[in-house]
Amino acid sequence: MKPYQLLLTALLVVGCESPEAPADTLRLVQLWVQGNYNNLAQTEADVAAGLPTEKTHRPMHQLFVPAEVPGIDGYLLFQQSSLDGSENPAMIFRHGLMQYFYDPESDRLRQRELYFKDAEQFKNAHRNPAILGDVTLEEMTWDAGCDFYLQANAQKTMVSGPITEGSCVLYSEGLQKEMYADDLVEITATEYRFRGRYVDKTGAVLWGTESDELNRLIRQE
């Protein structure tokens, strides 16, 4: 089933009708977020411009594939990041599910990242989607403080939204201090953009680029 053919079941998980704005947002996510993405054009431009290391964007390769997981509510995507854009298991360093569901408190579509507790067996799950058929939330881990709250703009040309400031926290063993996510997402028909950096309590960047330009992943045809 194609993403644009899916019913808006994610908006019914709370058992009531959902406002039009979140429905429009989900519809655009279903249409747009799929396939292989990378930001190589951006990283090459950084090099050509001679930007200092702290202002450059690291190369990224990202895969999004719609997923059928009956045991988990919402609209779901299998996501996978690799070092070189391949499906070589040795190059895959992050994979899981992206969950979209309506949040009545914020009146927004929430984007949540779910990760497998027993991760190795689920690498390249898009090639064997049946492996996801019995997965439940008990087999996943997540941090609700790292959810994004998304909304489509009036022109229906972009879906965007932040995380709640100060809610997504990691402890760095190397730095012996807490890091706070400074992040937002912007999604268009051809791009998936995000800030993706961590700062300390003073706002100093501890991980990620100091550039004001978001990481710009472009869908590859």
N, C-alpha and C. Protein backbone atom coordinates (compact mmCIF):
# COMPACT_ATOMS: atom_id res chain seq x y z
N MET A 1 0.84 -1.19 0.00
CA MET A 1 0.00 0.00 0.00
C MET A 1 0.88 1.25 0.00
N LYS A 2 0.61 2.20 -0.89
CA LYS A 2 1.39 3.42 -0.98
C LYS A 2 1.04 4.36 0.16
N PRO A 3 2.00 5.23 0.58
CA PRO A 3 1.73 6.14 1.69
C PRO A 3 0.50 7.00 1.47
N TYR A 4 0.27 7.49 0.23
CA TYR A 4 -0.86 8.37 0.01
C TYR A 4 -2.19 7.63 0.01
N GLN A 5 -2.15 6.29 0.04
CA GLN A 5 -3.38 5.52 0.09
C GLN A 5 -3.77 5.13 1.51
N LEU A 6 -2.89 5.38 2.44
CA LEU A 6 -3.17 4.96 3.82
C LEU A 6 -4.23 5.85 4.45
N LEU A 7 -5.12 5.25 5.21
CA LEU A 7 -6.08 6.02 5.98
C LEU A 7 -5.38 6.72 7.12
N LEU A 8 -5.97 7.78 7.62
CA LEU A 8 -5.33 8.56 8.66
C LEU A 8 -5.60 7.92 10.03
N THR A 9 -5.21 6.65 10.15
CA THR A 9 -5.49 5.91 11.37
C THR A 9 -4.73 6.45 12.56
N ALA A 10 -3.59 7.08 12.33
CA ALA A 10 -2.81 7.58 13.45
C ALA A 10 -3.57 8.64 14.22
N LEU A 11 -4.50 9.33 13.56
CA LEU A 11 -5.22 10.39 14.23
C LEU A 11 -6.42 9.88 15.02
N LEU A 12 -6.67 8.58 14.97
CA LEU A 12 -7.81 8.02 15.67
C LEU A 12 -7.42 7.26 16.92
N VAL A 13 -6.13 7.25 17.24
CA VAL A 13 -5.69 6.44 18.36
C VAL A 13 -6.20 6.98 19.69
N VAL A 14 -6.58 8.25 19.74
CA VAL A 14 -7.11 8.79 20.98
C VAL A 14 -8.61 8.59 21.08
N GLY A 15 -9.22 7.99 20.05
CA GLY A 15 -10.63 7.64 20.13
C GLY A 15 -11.57 8.78 19.85
N CYS A 16 -11.13 9.82 19.17
CA CYS A 16 -12.01 10.93 18.85
C CYS A 16 -11.58 11.52 17.53
N GLU A 17 -12.44 12.36 16.96
CA GLU A 17 -12.09 12.99 15.70
C GLU A 17 -10.98 14.00 15.94
N SER A 18 -10.11 14.15 14.96
CA SER A 18 -8.96 15.02 15.11
C SER A 18 -9.16 16.29 14.29
N PRO A 19 -8.57 17.40 14.73
CA PRO A 19 -8.68 18.66 13.99
C PRO A 19 -8.08 18.53 12.59
N GLU A 20 -8.49 19.42 11.71
CA GLU A 20 -8.04 19.36 10.33
C GLU A 20 -6.54 19.60 10.21
N ALA A 21 -5.99 20.49 11.03
CA ALA A 21 -4.57 20.83 10.89
C ALA A 21 -3.67 19.61 11.08
N PRO A 22 -3.82 18.81 12.16
CA PRO A 22 -2.99 17.60 12.27
C PRO A 22 -3.24 16.61 11.15
N ALA A 23 -4.50 16.50 10.66
CA ALA A 23 -4.79 15.59 9.56
C ALA A 23 -4.02 16.00 8.31
N ASP A 24 -3.99 17.30 8.02
CA ASP A 24 -3.23 17.79 6.88
C ASP A 24 -1.74 17.52 7.06
N THR A 25 -1.27 17.69 8.28
CA THR A 25 0.15 17.46 8.56
C THR A 25 0.53 16.01 8.31
N LEU A 26 -0.28 15.08 8.82
CA LEU A 26 -0.01 13.67 8.61
C LEU A 26 -0.07 13.31 7.13
N ARG A 27 -1.04 13.84 6.43
CA ARG A 27 -1.16 13.55 4.99
C ARG A 27 0.12 13.94 4.26
N LEU A 28 0.69 15.09 4.59
CA LEU A 28 1.91 15.53 3.93
C LEU A 28 3.10 14.64 4.32
N VAL A 29 3.18 14.26 5.59
CA VAL A 29 4.25 13.35 6.01
C VAL A 29 4.16 12.04 5.23
N GLN A 30 2.96 11.51 5.07
CA GLN A 30 2.78 10.25 4.34
C GLN A 30 3.20 10.39 2.88
N LEU A 31 2.92 11.53 2.30
CA LEU A 31 3.28 11.75 0.91
C LEU A 31 4.77 11.97 0.71
N TRP A 32 5.39 12.65 1.63
CA TRP A 32 6.74 13.17 1.42
C TRP A 32 7.86 12.31 1.98
N VAL A 33 7.69 11.75 3.17
CA VAL A 33 8.82 11.14 3.88
C VAL A 33 8.94 9.67 3.46
N GLN A 34 9.80 9.43 2.48
CA GLN A 34 10.04 8.07 1.99
C GLN A 34 11.25 8.08 1.08
N GLY A 35 12.02 7.00 1.12
CA GLY A 35 13.15 6.84 0.23
C GLY A 35 14.49 7.12 0.88
N ASN A 36 15.52 7.20 0.05
CA ASN A 36 16.90 7.46 0.48
C ASN A 36 17.21 8.95 0.42
N TYR A 37 17.86 9.44 1.46
CA TYR A 37 18.23 10.84 1.57
C TYR A 37 19.73 10.95 1.88
N ASN A 38 20.33 12.05 1.45
CA ASN A 38 21.66 12.39 1.95
C ASN A 38 21.87 13.90 1.88
N ASN A 39 22.91 14.37 2.55
CA ASN A 39 23.23 15.80 2.55
C ASN A 39 24.58 16.07 1.90
N LEU A 40 24.97 15.23 0.94
CA LEU A 40 26.29 15.38 0.33
C LEU A 40 26.46 16.71 -0.39
N ALA A 41 25.40 17.22 -1.00
CA ALA A 41 25.50 18.53 -1.66
C ALA A 41 25.86 19.61 -0.64
N GLN A 42 25.29 19.52 0.53
CA GLN A 42 25.56 20.49 1.58
C GLN A 42 26.99 20.38 2.10
N THR A 43 27.44 19.16 2.34
CA THR A 43 28.80 18.98 2.87
C THR A 43 29.84 19.40 1.83
N GLU A 44 29.58 19.14 0.55
CA GLU A 44 30.50 19.57 -0.49
C GLU A 44 30.55 21.08 -0.59
N ALA A 45 29.42 21.73 -0.40
CA ALA A 45 29.38 23.19 -0.43
C ALA A 45 30.14 23.77 0.76
N ASP A 46 30.06 23.12 1.92
CA ASP A 46 30.81 23.57 3.09
C ASP A 46 32.31 23.54 2.82
N VAL A 47 32.77 22.45 2.21
CA VAL A 47 34.19 22.29 1.90
C VAL A 47 34.62 23.35 0.89
N ALA A 48 33.80 23.54 -0.15
CA ALA A 48 34.14 24.51 -1.20
C ALA A 48 34.21 25.92 -0.64
N ALA A 49 33.39 26.19 0.38
CA ALA A 49 33.38 27.53 0.98
C ALA A 49 34.49 27.71 2.01
N GLY A 50 35.23 26.65 2.33
CA GLY A 50 36.31 26.74 3.29
C GLY A 50 35.85 27.03 4.70
N LEU A 51 34.69 26.51 5.07
CA LEU A 51 34.16 26.77 6.41
C LEU A 51 35.01 26.10 7.48
N PRO A 52 35.11 26.70 8.65
CA PRO A 52 35.83 26.04 9.75
C PRO A 52 35.10 24.79 10.19
N THR A 53 35.81 23.89 10.82
CA THR A 53 35.24 22.59 11.21
C THR A 53 33.96 22.73 12.02
N GLU A 54 33.93 23.68 12.94
CA GLU A 54 32.76 23.81 13.81
C GLU A 54 31.53 24.31 13.06
N LYS A 55 31.70 24.82 11.84
CA LYS A 55 30.58 25.32 11.05
C LYS A 55 30.15 24.35 9.94
N THR A 56 30.86 23.26 9.79
CA THR A 56 30.54 22.32 8.72
C THR A 56 29.49 21.31 9.16
N HIS A 57 28.86 20.66 8.18
CA HIS A 57 27.87 19.63 8.43
C HIS A 57 28.49 18.28 8.10
N ARG A 58 28.34 17.30 8.99
CA ARG A 58 28.93 15.99 8.74
C ARG A 58 28.08 15.25 7.70
N PRO A 59 28.68 14.41 6.86
CA PRO A 59 27.92 13.66 5.85
C PRO A 59 26.91 12.73 6.50
N MET A 60 25.71 12.67 5.93
CA MET A 60 24.65 11.84 6.47
C MET A 60 23.92 11.10 5.34
N HIS A 61 23.54 9.86 5.62
CA HIS A 61 22.74 9.05 4.70
C HIS A 61 21.58 8.47 5.50
N GLN A 62 20.37 8.67 5.01
CA GLN A 62 19.18 8.29 5.77
C GLN A 62 18.16 7.60 4.87
N LEU A 63 17.54 6.55 5.39
CA LEU A 63 16.49 5.82 4.68
C LEU A 63 15.21 5.88 5.48
N PHE A 64 14.08 6.15 4.79
CA PHE A 64 12.75 6.10 5.39
C PHE A 64 11.87 5.20 4.52
N VAL A 65 11.19 4.23 5.13
CA VAL A 65 10.30 3.33 4.40
C VAL A 65 9.03 3.13 5.24
N PRO A 66 7.83 3.37 4.67
CA PRO A 66 6.60 3.09 5.41
C PRO A 66 6.56 1.65 5.90
N ALA A 67 6.08 1.46 7.13
CA ALA A 67 6.11 0.13 7.75
C ALA A 67 4.74 -0.23 8.31
N GLU A 68 4.39 -1.51 8.19
CA GLU A 68 3.18 -2.05 8.80
C GLU A 68 3.59 -2.79 10.07
N VAL A 69 3.20 -2.24 11.23
CA VAL A 69 3.52 -2.85 12.52
C VAL A 69 2.23 -2.86 13.34
N PRO A 70 1.41 -3.91 13.21
CA PRO A 70 0.09 -3.93 13.87
C PRO A 70 0.14 -3.73 15.37
N GLY A 71 1.25 -4.09 16.02
CA GLY A 71 1.33 -4.00 17.46
C GLY A 71 1.64 -2.62 18.00
N ILE A 72 1.85 -1.63 17.11
CA ILE A 72 2.18 -0.27 17.55
C ILE A 72 1.25 0.71 16.84
N ASP A 73 0.60 1.59 17.60
CA ASP A 73 -0.34 2.54 17.04
C ASP A 73 0.36 3.63 16.24
N GLY A 74 -0.40 4.30 15.40
CA GLY A 74 0.09 5.45 14.66
C GLY A 74 0.57 5.09 13.26
N TYR A 75 1.02 6.11 12.55
CA TYR A 75 1.63 5.91 11.24
C TYR A 75 3.12 5.70 11.46
N LEU A 76 3.68 4.66 10.87
CA LEU A 76 5.05 4.25 11.18
C LEU A 76 5.92 4.20 9.94
N LEU A 77 7.18 4.57 10.14
CA LEU A 77 8.22 4.44 9.13
C LEU A 77 9.37 3.65 9.73
N PHE A 78 9.95 2.75 8.94
CA PHE A 78 11.23 2.17 9.32
C PHE A 78 12.30 3.17 8.89
N GLN A 79 13.22 3.48 9.79
CA GLN A 79 14.29 4.41 9.46
C GLN A 79 15.64 3.76 9.72
N GLN A 80 16.62 4.15 8.92
CA GLN A 80 17.95 3.56 9.03
C GLN A 80 19.00 4.55 8.56
N SER A 81 20.05 4.70 9.34
CA SER A 81 21.17 5.58 8.98
C SER A 81 22.41 4.73 8.77
N SER A 82 23.16 5.02 7.71
CA SER A 82 24.41 4.31 7.48
C SER A 82 25.53 5.30 7.19
N LEU A 83 26.74 4.86 7.37
CA LEU A 83 27.89 5.73 7.20
C LEU A 83 28.14 6.10 5.74
N ASP A 84 27.79 5.17 4.83
CA ASP A 84 28.12 5.40 3.42
C ASP A 84 26.91 5.32 2.49
N GLY A 85 25.71 5.20 3.03
CA GLY A 85 24.52 5.10 2.20
C GLY A 85 24.21 3.71 1.72
N SER A 86 25.02 2.73 2.11
CA SER A 86 24.80 1.35 1.68
C SER A 86 23.92 0.61 2.69
N GLU A 87 23.60 -0.65 2.37
CA GLU A 87 22.86 -1.51 3.29
C GLU A 87 23.77 -2.54 3.94
N ASN A 88 25.05 -2.30 3.88
CA ASN A 88 26.03 -3.15 4.54
C ASN A 88 25.80 -3.06 6.06
N PRO A 89 25.47 -4.17 6.72
CA PRO A 89 25.19 -4.12 8.16
C PRO A 89 26.30 -3.46 8.97
N ALA A 90 27.54 -3.62 8.52
CA ALA A 90 28.66 -3.03 9.26
C ALA A 90 28.64 -1.50 9.20
N MET A 91 27.98 -0.94 8.18
CA MET A 91 27.93 0.50 8.00
C MET A 91 26.71 1.15 8.66
N ILE A 92 25.75 0.32 9.09
CA ILE A 92 24.52 0.83 9.71
C ILE A 92 24.79 1.13 11.18
N PHE A 93 24.55 2.38 11.58
CA PHE A 93 24.84 2.73 12.97
C PHE A 93 23.60 3.14 13.75
N ARG A 94 22.46 3.29 13.08
CA ARG A 94 21.23 3.62 13.79
C ARG A 94 20.04 3.14 12.96
N HIS A 95 19.07 2.50 13.61
CA HIS A 95 17.86 2.08 12.91
C HIS A 95 16.75 1.87 13.93
N GLY A 96 15.53 2.10 13.47
CA GLY A 96 14.38 1.97 14.35
C GLY A 96 13.11 2.34 13.61
N LEU A 97 12.11 2.78 14.36
CA LEU A 97 10.84 3.19 13.79
C LEU A 97 10.56 4.65 14.10
N MET A 98 9.98 5.35 13.15
CA MET A 98 9.49 6.69 13.37
C MET A 98 7.97 6.58 13.52
N GLN A 99 7.46 7.07 14.63
CA GLN A 99 6.03 6.96 14.94
C GLN A 99 5.40 8.35 14.90
N TYR A 100 4.30 8.47 14.17
CA TYR A 100 3.54 9.73 14.09
C TYR A 100 2.16 9.50 14.68
N PHE A 101 1.76 10.37 15.62
CA PHE A 101 0.44 10.23 16.23
C PHE A 101 -0.05 11.59 16.70
N TYR A 102 -1.36 11.72 16.76
CA TYR A 102 -1.98 12.99 17.17
C TYR A 102 -1.90 13.17 18.67
N ASP A 103 -1.47 14.36 19.10
CA ASP A 103 -1.39 14.71 20.51
C ASP A 103 -2.45 15.76 20.82
N PRO A 104 -3.53 15.40 21.52
CA PRO A 104 -4.62 16.36 21.75
C PRO A 104 -4.22 17.54 22.63
N GLU A 105 -3.26 17.33 23.52
CA GLU A 105 -2.87 18.41 24.42
C GLU A 105 -2.23 19.57 23.66
N SER A 106 -1.36 19.25 22.72
CA SER A 106 -0.69 20.29 21.94
C SER A 106 -1.43 20.61 20.63
N ASP A 107 -2.38 19.75 20.25
CA ASP A 107 -3.07 19.85 18.96
C ASP A 107 -2.06 19.82 17.82
N ARG A 108 -1.07 18.94 17.95
CA ARG A 108 -0.02 18.79 16.94
C ARG A 108 0.17 17.30 16.63
N LEU A 109 0.82 17.06 15.53
CA LEU A 109 1.25 15.70 15.19
C LEU A 109 2.61 15.48 15.82
N ARG A 110 2.72 14.45 16.66
CA ARG A 110 4.00 14.18 17.31
C ARG A 110 4.82 13.18 16.50
N GLN A 111 6.08 13.45 16.39
CA GLN A 111 7.03 12.54 15.76
C GLN A 111 7.92 11.97 16.85
N ARG A 112 7.88 10.64 17.01
CA ARG A 112 8.65 9.97 18.07
C ARG A 112 9.56 8.92 17.45
N GLU A 113 10.78 8.83 17.92
CA GLU A 113 11.72 7.83 17.45
C GLU A 113 11.74 6.65 18.42
N LEU A 114 11.42 5.47 17.88
CA LEU A 114 11.43 4.23 18.65
C LEU A 114 12.63 3.40 18.22
N TYR A 115 13.34 2.83 19.19
CA TYR A 115 14.52 2.02 18.87
C TYR A 115 14.36 0.61 19.44
N PHE A 116 14.84 -0.36 18.66
CA PHE A 116 14.73 -1.77 19.06
C PHE A 116 15.68 -2.08 20.21
N LYS A 117 15.17 -2.76 21.24
CA LYS A 117 16.03 -3.18 22.33
C LYS A 117 17.02 -4.25 21.85
N ASP A 118 16.54 -5.15 21.00
CA ASP A 118 17.40 -6.17 20.40
C ASP A 118 17.60 -5.76 18.95
N ALA A 119 18.54 -4.87 18.71
CA ALA A 119 18.58 -4.11 17.45
C ALA A 119 19.15 -4.87 16.26
N GLU A 120 20.14 -5.71 16.46
CA GLU A 120 20.90 -6.27 15.35
C GLU A 120 20.02 -6.98 14.33
N GLN A 121 19.03 -7.72 14.78
CA GLN A 121 18.19 -8.52 13.88
C GLN A 121 17.31 -7.66 12.97
N PHE A 122 17.16 -6.38 13.29
CA PHE A 122 16.26 -5.52 12.53
C PHE A 122 16.98 -4.62 11.52
N LYS A 123 18.28 -4.79 11.36
CA LYS A 123 18.97 -4.05 10.31
C LYS A 123 18.39 -4.47 8.95
N ASN A 124 18.17 -3.47 8.08
CA ASN A 124 17.60 -3.72 6.74
C ASN A 124 16.23 -4.38 6.81
N ALA A 125 15.45 -4.04 7.82
CA ALA A 125 14.12 -4.64 7.97
C ALA A 125 13.20 -4.30 6.80
N HIS A 126 13.50 -3.23 6.07
CA HIS A 126 12.67 -2.89 4.91
C HIS A 126 12.78 -3.95 3.82
N ARG A 127 13.85 -4.76 3.85
CA ARG A 127 14.00 -5.85 2.88
C ARG A 127 13.25 -7.11 3.32
N ASN A 128 12.86 -7.15 4.58
CA ASN A 128 12.12 -8.29 5.11
C ASN A 128 11.04 -7.75 6.06
N PRO A 129 10.05 -7.02 5.52
CA PRO A 129 9.08 -6.33 6.37
C PRO A 129 8.29 -7.24 7.29
N ALA A 130 8.19 -8.53 6.97
CA ALA A 130 7.44 -9.45 7.82
C ALA A 130 8.03 -9.53 9.22
N ILE A 131 9.33 -9.22 9.34
CA ILE A 131 9.99 -9.30 10.66
C ILE A 131 9.41 -8.29 11.64
N LEU A 132 8.74 -7.26 11.12
CA LEU A 132 8.15 -6.23 11.97
C LEU A 132 6.74 -6.58 12.42
N GLY A 133 6.17 -7.66 11.86
CA GLY A 133 4.77 -7.97 12.08
C GLY A 133 4.39 -8.21 13.53
N ASP A 134 5.30 -8.76 14.33
CA ASP A 134 4.99 -9.09 15.72
C ASP A 134 5.62 -8.14 16.73
N VAL A 135 6.23 -7.07 16.25
CA VAL A 135 6.91 -6.14 17.16
C VAL A 135 5.88 -5.34 17.96
N THR A 136 6.14 -5.18 19.25
CA THR A 136 5.29 -4.38 20.13
C THR A 136 6.14 -3.32 20.83
N LEU A 137 5.47 -2.42 21.53
CA LEU A 137 6.19 -1.37 22.24
C LEU A 137 7.09 -1.92 23.34
N GLU A 138 6.77 -3.11 23.85
CA GLU A 138 7.61 -3.71 24.88
C GLU A 138 9.01 -4.04 24.36
N GLU A 139 9.15 -4.13 23.04
CA GLU A 139 10.45 -4.42 22.43
C GLU A 139 11.19 -3.17 21.98
N MET A 140 10.62 -2.00 22.31
CA MET A 140 11.20 -0.74 21.87
C MET A 140 11.60 0.12 23.07
N THR A 141 12.45 1.09 22.79
CA THR A 141 12.80 2.09 23.79
C THR A 141 12.68 3.46 23.15
N TRP A 142 12.35 4.48 23.93
CA TRP A 142 12.20 5.83 23.41
C TRP A 142 12.26 6.83 24.55
N ASP A 143 12.38 8.10 24.18
CA ASP A 143 12.38 9.19 25.16
C ASP A 143 11.33 10.20 24.69
N ALA A 144 10.20 10.27 25.38
CA ALA A 144 9.12 11.16 24.98
C ALA A 144 9.55 12.63 25.00
N GLY A 145 10.56 12.94 25.80
CA GLY A 145 11.05 14.31 25.84
C GLY A 145 11.74 14.74 24.56
N CYS A 146 12.06 13.76 23.70
CA CYS A 146 12.72 14.05 22.43
C CYS A 146 11.74 14.05 21.25
N ASP A 147 10.44 14.03 21.53
CA ASP A 147 9.44 14.09 20.47
C ASP A 147 9.43 15.47 19.81
N PHE A 148 9.10 15.49 18.51
CA PHE A 148 8.89 16.73 17.79
C PHE A 148 7.39 16.98 17.66
N TYR A 149 7.00 18.25 17.71
CA TYR A 149 5.59 18.64 17.60
C TYR A 149 5.39 19.37 16.27
N LEU A 150 4.77 18.67 15.32
CA LEU A 150 4.76 19.11 13.93
C LEU A 150 3.43 19.73 13.52
N GLN A 151 3.53 20.67 12.56
CA GLN A 151 2.34 21.28 11.98
C GLN A 151 2.67 21.73 10.56
N ALA A 152 1.72 21.56 9.65
CA ALA A 152 1.89 22.05 8.28
C ALA A 152 1.65 23.55 8.24
N ASN A 153 2.38 24.23 7.34
CA ASN A 153 2.13 25.65 7.17
C ASN A 153 0.85 25.86 6.35
N ALA A 154 0.39 27.10 6.28
CA ALA A 154 -0.88 27.39 5.62
C ALA A 154 -0.84 27.05 4.14
N GLN A 155 0.32 27.17 3.52
CA GLN A 155 0.45 26.89 2.09
C GLN A 155 0.60 25.41 1.79
N LYS A 156 0.73 24.59 2.82
CA LYS A 156 0.94 23.14 2.68
C LYS A 156 2.21 22.83 1.88
N THR A 157 3.24 23.66 2.09
CA THR A 157 4.52 23.46 1.42
C THR A 157 5.60 22.96 2.37
N MET A 158 5.31 22.96 3.68
CA MET A 158 6.30 22.49 4.65
C MET A 158 5.60 22.03 5.91
N VAL A 159 6.16 21.00 6.51
CA VAL A 159 5.78 20.54 7.85
C VAL A 159 6.96 20.81 8.75
N SER A 160 6.72 21.42 9.89
CA SER A 160 7.85 21.75 10.77
C SER A 160 7.42 21.75 12.22
N GLY A 161 8.40 21.70 13.09
CA GLY A 161 8.12 21.78 14.51
C GLY A 161 9.34 21.45 15.36
N PRO A 162 9.38 21.95 16.59
CA PRO A 162 10.51 21.74 17.49
C PRO A 162 10.27 20.61 18.48
N ILE A 163 11.29 20.31 19.26
CA ILE A 163 11.10 19.57 20.49
C ILE A 163 10.86 20.60 21.60
N THR A 164 10.39 20.16 22.74
CA THR A 164 10.21 21.07 23.88
C THR A 164 11.58 21.42 24.46
N GLU A 165 11.85 22.69 24.58
CA GLU A 165 13.17 23.13 25.04
C GLU A 165 13.51 22.53 26.41
N GLY A 166 14.69 21.96 26.50
CA GLY A 166 15.17 21.41 27.76
C GLY A 166 14.63 20.05 28.12
N SER A 167 13.81 19.44 27.25
CA SER A 167 13.17 18.17 27.61
C SER A 167 13.93 16.94 27.15
N CYS A 168 14.83 17.11 26.19
CA CYS A 168 15.58 15.98 25.63
C CYS A 168 17.02 16.07 26.12
N VAL A 169 17.38 15.21 27.05
CA VAL A 169 18.65 15.33 27.75
C VAL A 169 19.45 14.04 27.65
N LEU A 170 20.72 14.15 27.34
CA LEU A 170 21.64 13.02 27.34
C LEU A 170 22.79 13.33 28.29
N TYR A 171 23.31 12.28 28.91
CA TYR A 171 24.49 12.46 29.74
C TYR A 171 25.71 11.96 28.99
N SER A 172 26.69 12.83 28.82
CA SER A 172 27.92 12.48 28.11
C SER A 172 28.94 11.94 29.11
N GLU A 173 29.28 10.66 28.97
CA GLU A 173 30.30 10.08 29.83
C GLU A 173 31.66 10.73 29.58
N GLY A 174 31.95 11.03 28.32
CA GLY A 174 33.23 11.64 28.00
C GLY A 174 33.40 13.02 28.58
N LEU A 175 32.32 13.83 28.49
CA LEU A 175 32.38 15.19 29.00
C LEU A 175 32.00 15.28 30.47
N GLN A 176 31.41 14.19 31.00
CA GLN A 176 30.95 14.17 32.39
C GLN A 176 29.96 15.31 32.67
N LYS A 177 29.01 15.48 31.73
CA LYS A 177 28.01 16.52 31.90
C LYS A 177 26.78 16.20 31.05
N GLU A 178 25.68 16.85 31.37
CA GLU A 178 24.45 16.67 30.61
C GLU A 178 24.48 17.52 29.34
N MET A 179 23.90 16.96 28.27
CA MET A 179 23.76 17.67 27.01
C MET A 179 22.27 17.80 26.71
N TYR A 180 21.86 18.97 26.23
CA TYR A 180 20.45 19.24 25.95
C TYR A 180 20.25 19.38 24.44
N ALA A 181 19.26 18.66 23.91
CA ALA A 181 19.00 18.72 22.48
C ALA A 181 18.48 20.10 22.09
N ASP A 182 19.08 20.67 21.06
CA ASP A 182 18.62 21.92 20.46
C ASP A 182 18.22 21.54 19.04
N ASP A 183 16.91 21.28 18.83
CA ASP A 183 16.53 20.62 17.59
C ASP A 183 15.16 21.07 17.10
N LEU A 184 15.01 21.02 15.81
CA LEU A 184 13.72 21.19 15.15
C LEU A 184 13.78 20.47 13.82
N VAL A 185 12.61 20.21 13.25
CA VAL A 185 12.50 19.49 11.98
C VAL A 185 11.77 20.36 10.98
N GLU A 186 12.21 20.31 9.72
CA GLU A 186 11.50 20.92 8.60
C GLU A 186 11.43 19.88 7.48
N ILE A 187 10.23 19.59 7.02
CA ILE A 187 10.01 18.57 5.99
C ILE A 187 9.32 19.21 4.79
N THR A 188 9.86 18.95 3.60
CA THR A 188 9.21 19.38 2.36
C THR A 188 9.05 18.16 1.45
N ALA A 189 8.57 18.39 0.25
CA ALA A 189 8.35 17.29 -0.68
C ALA A 189 9.64 16.59 -1.07
N THR A 190 10.77 17.25 -0.95
CA THR A 190 12.05 16.67 -1.38
C THR A 190 13.14 16.70 -0.33
N GLU A 191 12.90 17.31 0.81
CA GLU A 191 13.96 17.46 1.82
C GLU A 191 13.46 17.12 3.22
N TYR A 192 14.40 16.61 4.02
CA TYR A 192 14.17 16.41 5.45
C TYR A 192 15.30 17.15 6.15
N ARG A 193 14.97 18.23 6.84
CA ARG A 193 15.96 19.09 7.47
C ARG A 193 15.81 19.07 8.99
N PHE A 194 16.92 19.13 9.69
CA PHE A 194 16.87 19.19 11.15
C PHE A 194 18.15 19.83 11.68
N ARG A 195 18.04 20.39 12.89
CA ARG A 195 19.22 21.04 13.50
C ARG A 195 20.16 20.00 14.09
N GLY A 196 19.66 19.12 14.93
CA GLY A 196 20.42 17.97 15.40
C GLY A 196 21.70 18.29 16.16
N ARG A 197 21.62 19.19 17.12
CA ARG A 197 22.81 19.43 17.92
C ARG A 197 22.47 19.42 19.41
N TYR A 198 23.52 19.26 20.23
CA TYR A 198 23.37 19.25 21.68
C TYR A 198 24.20 20.37 22.28
N VAL A 199 23.64 21.01 23.29
CA VAL A 199 24.29 22.15 23.93
C VAL A 199 24.34 21.92 25.44
N ASP A 200 25.18 22.72 26.11
CA ASP A 200 25.19 22.68 27.57
C ASP A 200 24.22 23.72 28.11
N LYS A 201 24.21 23.90 29.41
CA LYS A 201 23.24 24.82 30.02
C LYS A 201 23.46 26.27 29.60
N THR A 202 24.64 26.59 29.12
CA THR A 202 24.92 27.96 28.67
C THR A 202 24.58 28.15 27.19
N GLY A 203 24.25 27.07 26.49
CA GLY A 203 23.96 27.17 25.07
C GLY A 203 25.15 26.87 24.18
N ALA A 204 26.30 26.57 24.76
CA ALA A 204 27.49 26.24 23.97
C ALA A 204 27.30 24.88 23.30
N VAL A 205 27.65 24.78 22.03
CA VAL A 205 27.46 23.55 21.28
C VAL A 205 28.49 22.51 21.71
N LEU A 206 27.98 21.34 22.13
CA LEU A 206 28.85 20.24 22.54
C LEU A 206 28.95 19.17 21.46
N TRP A 207 27.90 19.04 20.65
CA TRP A 207 27.90 18.05 19.57
C TRP A 207 27.02 18.58 18.44
N GLY A 208 27.50 18.42 17.21
CA GLY A 208 26.78 18.93 16.06
C GLY A 208 27.40 20.23 15.57
N THR A 209 26.89 20.72 14.48
CA THR A 209 27.46 21.92 13.88
C THR A 209 26.96 23.20 14.56
N GLU A 210 27.81 24.21 14.57
CA GLU A 210 27.42 25.52 15.07
C GLU A 210 26.77 26.37 13.98
N SER A 211 26.69 25.84 12.78
CA SER A 211 26.09 26.58 11.67
C SER A 211 24.61 26.85 11.94
N ASP A 212 24.14 28.00 11.46
CA ASP A 212 22.71 28.31 11.55
C ASP A 212 21.90 27.56 10.50
N GLU A 213 22.57 26.99 9.50
CA GLU A 213 21.89 26.23 8.46
C GLU A 213 21.60 24.82 8.96
N LEU A 214 20.36 24.39 8.85
CA LEU A 214 19.99 23.05 9.28
C LEU A 214 20.68 21.99 8.43
N ASN A 215 20.85 20.80 9.00
CA ASN A 215 21.28 19.65 8.21
C ASN A 215 20.22 19.43 7.13
N ARG A 216 20.65 19.43 5.88
CA ARG A 216 19.71 19.40 4.75
C ARG A 216 19.85 18.11 3.98
N LEU A 217 19.00 17.15 4.30
CA LEU A 217 18.99 15.86 3.60
C LEU A 217 18.02 15.94 2.41
N ILE A 218 18.51 15.61 1.23
CA ILE A 218 17.71 15.69 0.01
C ILE A 218 17.38 14.28 -0.45
N ARG A 219 16.13 14.05 -0.80
CA ARG A 219 15.72 12.74 -1.27
C ARG A 219 16.33 12.46 -2.64
N GLN A 220 16.88 11.27 -2.77
CA GLN A 220 17.55 10.88 -4.01
C GLN A 220 16.58 10.09 -4.90
N GLU A 221 16.55 10.41 -6.18
CA GLU A 221 15.66 9.72 -7.12
C GLU A 221 16.25 8.37 -7.52
